[in-house]
C-alpha atoms as a PDB file:
ATOM      1  CA  MET A   1       8.373   9.250  18.373  1.00  0.00           C
ATOM      2  CA  LYS A   2       9.591   9.172  14.803  1.00  0.00           C
ATOM      3  CA  PRO A   3      10.258  12.516  12.944  1.00  0.00           C
ATOM      4  CA  LEU A   4       6.927  13.688  11.247  1.00  0.00           C
ATOM      5  CA  ASN A   5       8.256  12.734   7.947  1.00  0.00           C
ATOM      6  CA  TYR A   6       8.961   8.985   8.701  1.00  0.00           C
ATOM      7  CA  ALA A   7       5.482   9.015  10.247  1.00  0.00           C
ATOM      8  CA  ILE A   8       4.414  10.223   7.076  1.00  0.00           C
ATOM      9  CA  LEU A   9       5.934   7.334   5.179  1.00  0.00           C
ATOM     10  CA  ASN A  10       5.053   5.076   7.697  1.00  0.00           C
ATOM     11  CA  TYR A  11       1.250   5.617   7.451  1.00  0.00           C
ATOM     12  CA  PHE A  12       1.480   5.022   3.748  1.00  0.00           C
ATOM     13  CA  THR A  13       2.828   1.152   4.398  1.00  0.00           C
ATOM     14  CA  LYS A  14      -0.815   0.643   5.923  1.00  0.00           C
ATOM     15  CA  VAL A  15      -2.883   2.601   3.384  1.00  0.00           C
ATOM     16  CA  GLU A  16      -4.170   2.266  -0.337  1.00  0.00           C
ATOM     17  CA  LYS A  17      -4.015   6.043  -1.165  1.00  0.00           C
ATOM     18  CA  ALA A  18      -4.096   9.078   1.045  1.00  0.00           C
ATOM     19  CA  SER A  19      -4.219  12.689   0.644  1.00  0.00           C
ATOM     20  CA  VAL A  20      -3.219  15.483   3.009  1.00  0.00           C
ATOM     21  CA  ARG A  21      -6.398  15.268   4.729  1.00  0.00           C
ATOM     22  CA  GLU A  22      -6.157  11.608   5.948  1.00  0.00           C
ATOM     23  CA  ILE A  23      -2.934  12.044   6.798  1.00  0.00           C
ATOM     24  CA  MET A  24      -3.351  15.285   8.936  1.00  0.00           C
ATOM     25  CA  GLU A  25      -6.697  13.231  10.702  1.00  0.00           C
ATOM     26  CA  GLU A  26      -4.497   9.985  10.856  1.00  0.00           C
ATOM     27  CA  LEU A  27      -1.417  11.814  12.786  1.00  0.00           C
ATOM     28  CA  LYS A  28      -3.079  14.628  14.465  1.00  0.00           C
ATOM     29  CA  GLU A  29      -3.168  13.249  17.911  1.00  0.00           C
ATOM     30  CA  GLU A  30       0.503  12.523  18.050  1.00  0.00           C
ATOM     31  CA  TYR A  31       2.405  15.383  15.991  1.00  0.00           C
ATOM     32  CA  GLY A  32      -0.532  17.952  16.544  1.00  0.00           C
ATOM     33  CA  ASN A  33       1.137  20.159  18.434  1.00  0.00           C
ATOM     34  CA  PHE A  34       4.575  19.905  16.075  1.00  0.00           C
ATOM     35  CA  LYS A  35       5.487  23.388  14.374  1.00  0.00           C
ATOM     36  CA  ALA A  36       5.480  21.271  11.057  1.00  0.00           C
ATOM     37  CA  PHE A  37       2.623  19.884  11.531  1.00  0.00           C
ATOM     38  CA  ASN A  38       0.423  21.805   8.450  1.00  0.00           C
ATOM     39  CA  LYS A  39      -0.547  21.584   5.456  1.00  0.00           C
ATOM     40  CA  ASP A  40       2.070  22.972   3.711  1.00  0.00           C
ATOM     41  CA  SER A  41       4.567  21.169   4.767  1.00  0.00           C
ATOM     42  CA  ILE A  42       3.069  17.814   4.318  1.00  0.00           C
ATOM     43  CA  ILE A  43       2.649  18.959   1.158  1.00  0.00           C
ATOM     44  CA  THR A  44       6.057  19.672   0.998  1.00  0.00           C
ATOM     45  CA  ALA A  45       7.137  16.059   2.378  1.00  0.00           C
ATOM     46  CA  LEU A  46       4.592  14.415   0.313  1.00  0.00           C
ATOM     47  CA  MET A  47       6.032  16.324  -2.743  1.00  0.00           C
ATOM     48  CA  THR A  48       9.980  15.402  -1.540  1.00  0.00           C
ATOM     49  CA  ALA A  49       8.867  11.879  -1.053  1.00  0.00           C
ATOM     50  CA  GLU A  50       7.354  11.379  -4.598  1.00  0.00           C
ATOM     51  CA  THR A  51      10.543  13.110  -6.076  1.00  0.00           C
ATOM     52  CA  ASN A  52      12.354  10.432  -4.189  1.00  0.00           C
ATOM     53  CA  GLY A  53      10.422   7.841  -5.821  1.00  0.00           C
ATOM     54  CA  LEU A  54       8.760   6.420  -2.996  1.00  0.00           C
ATOM     55  CA  ILE A  55       5.171   7.590  -3.407  1.00  0.00           C
ATOM     56  CA  GLU A  56       3.437   8.498  -6.773  1.00  0.00           C
ATOM     57  CA  GLU A  57       0.616  10.714  -7.479  1.00  0.00           C
ATOM     58  CA  ILE A  58      -2.504   8.397  -8.344  1.00  0.00           C
ATOM     59  CA  GLU A  59      -5.886  10.552  -8.431  1.00  0.00           C
ATOM     60  CA  ILE A  60      -6.764  14.240  -8.353  1.00  0.00           C
ATOM     61  CA  ASP A  61     -10.361  15.481  -7.101  1.00  0.00           C
ATOM     62  CA  LEU A  62     -12.243  18.169  -5.433  1.00  0.00           C
ATOM     63  CA  ASP A  63     -13.676  18.165  -1.934  1.00  0.00           C
ATOM     64  CA  GLU A  64     -16.684  19.436  -1.012  1.00  0.00           C
ATOM     65  CA  ASN A  65     -15.520  23.175  -0.905  1.00  0.00           C
ATOM     66  CA  GLU A  66     -14.117  22.640  -4.599  1.00  0.00           C
ATOM     67  CA  GLU A  67     -10.619  22.314  -2.640  1.00  0.00           C
ATOM     68  CA  LEU A  68      -8.090  20.320  -4.750  1.00  0.00           C
ATOM     69  CA  LEU A  69      -7.188  16.691  -3.198  1.00  0.00           C
ATOM     70  CA  ILE A  70      -4.471  14.804  -4.581  1.00  0.00           C
ATOM     71  CA  PHE A  71      -4.197  11.314  -3.673  1.00  0.00           C
ATOM     72  CA  TYR A  72      -0.987   9.110  -3.312  1.00  0.00           C
ATOM     73  CA  HIS A  73      -0.113   5.801  -3.173  1.00  0.00           C
ATOM     74  CA  MET A  74       2.869   3.605  -2.403  1.00  0.00           C
ATOM     75  CA  ASN A  75       3.857   0.602  -4.442  1.00  0.00           C
ATOM     76  CA  ASP A  76       5.280  -2.506  -2.714  1.00  0.00           C
ATOM     77  CA  GLU A  77       8.784  -2.358  -3.142  1.00  0.00           C
ATOM     78  CA  SER A  78       8.809   1.317  -1.548  1.00  0.00           C
ATOM     79  CA  LYS A  79       6.283  -0.230   1.168  1.00  0.00           C
ATOM     80  CA  GLU A  80       9.385  -2.834   1.820  1.00  0.00           C
ATOM     81  CA  THR A  81      12.104  -0.208   1.747  1.00  0.00           C
ATOM     82  CA  ILE A  82      10.572   1.931   4.122  1.00  0.00           C
ATOM     83  CA  ASN A  83       9.581  -0.815   6.798  1.00  0.00           C
ATOM     84  CA  MET A  84      13.338  -2.212   6.427  1.00  0.00           C
ATOM     85  CA  PHE A  85      14.780   1.345   7.136  1.00  0.00           C
ATOM     86  CA  ILE A  86      11.799   2.879   9.323  1.00  0.00           C
ATOM     87  CA  GLY A  87       9.894   0.151  10.669  1.00  0.00           C
ATOM     88  CA  GLU A  88       6.739   0.469  12.966  1.00  0.00           C
END
């Protein structure tokens, strides 16, 4: 099993965009018991990936509860880099 941060980055190689909500839904079965599997830790991982140029913020919206949703996207160059170093 990959570290959670790797799984998050790997997820972005397979989708056009995602927010914390989609990431948690997708990884819940495999990582749901991890201590770091919570919204705040995943937001920190996303912000770190953005700071390192691996993903970029592309959309901001409000959900049905008026909670902020930030969507991120990984460009093709970053996808190639992640696939080369992390892989499936």
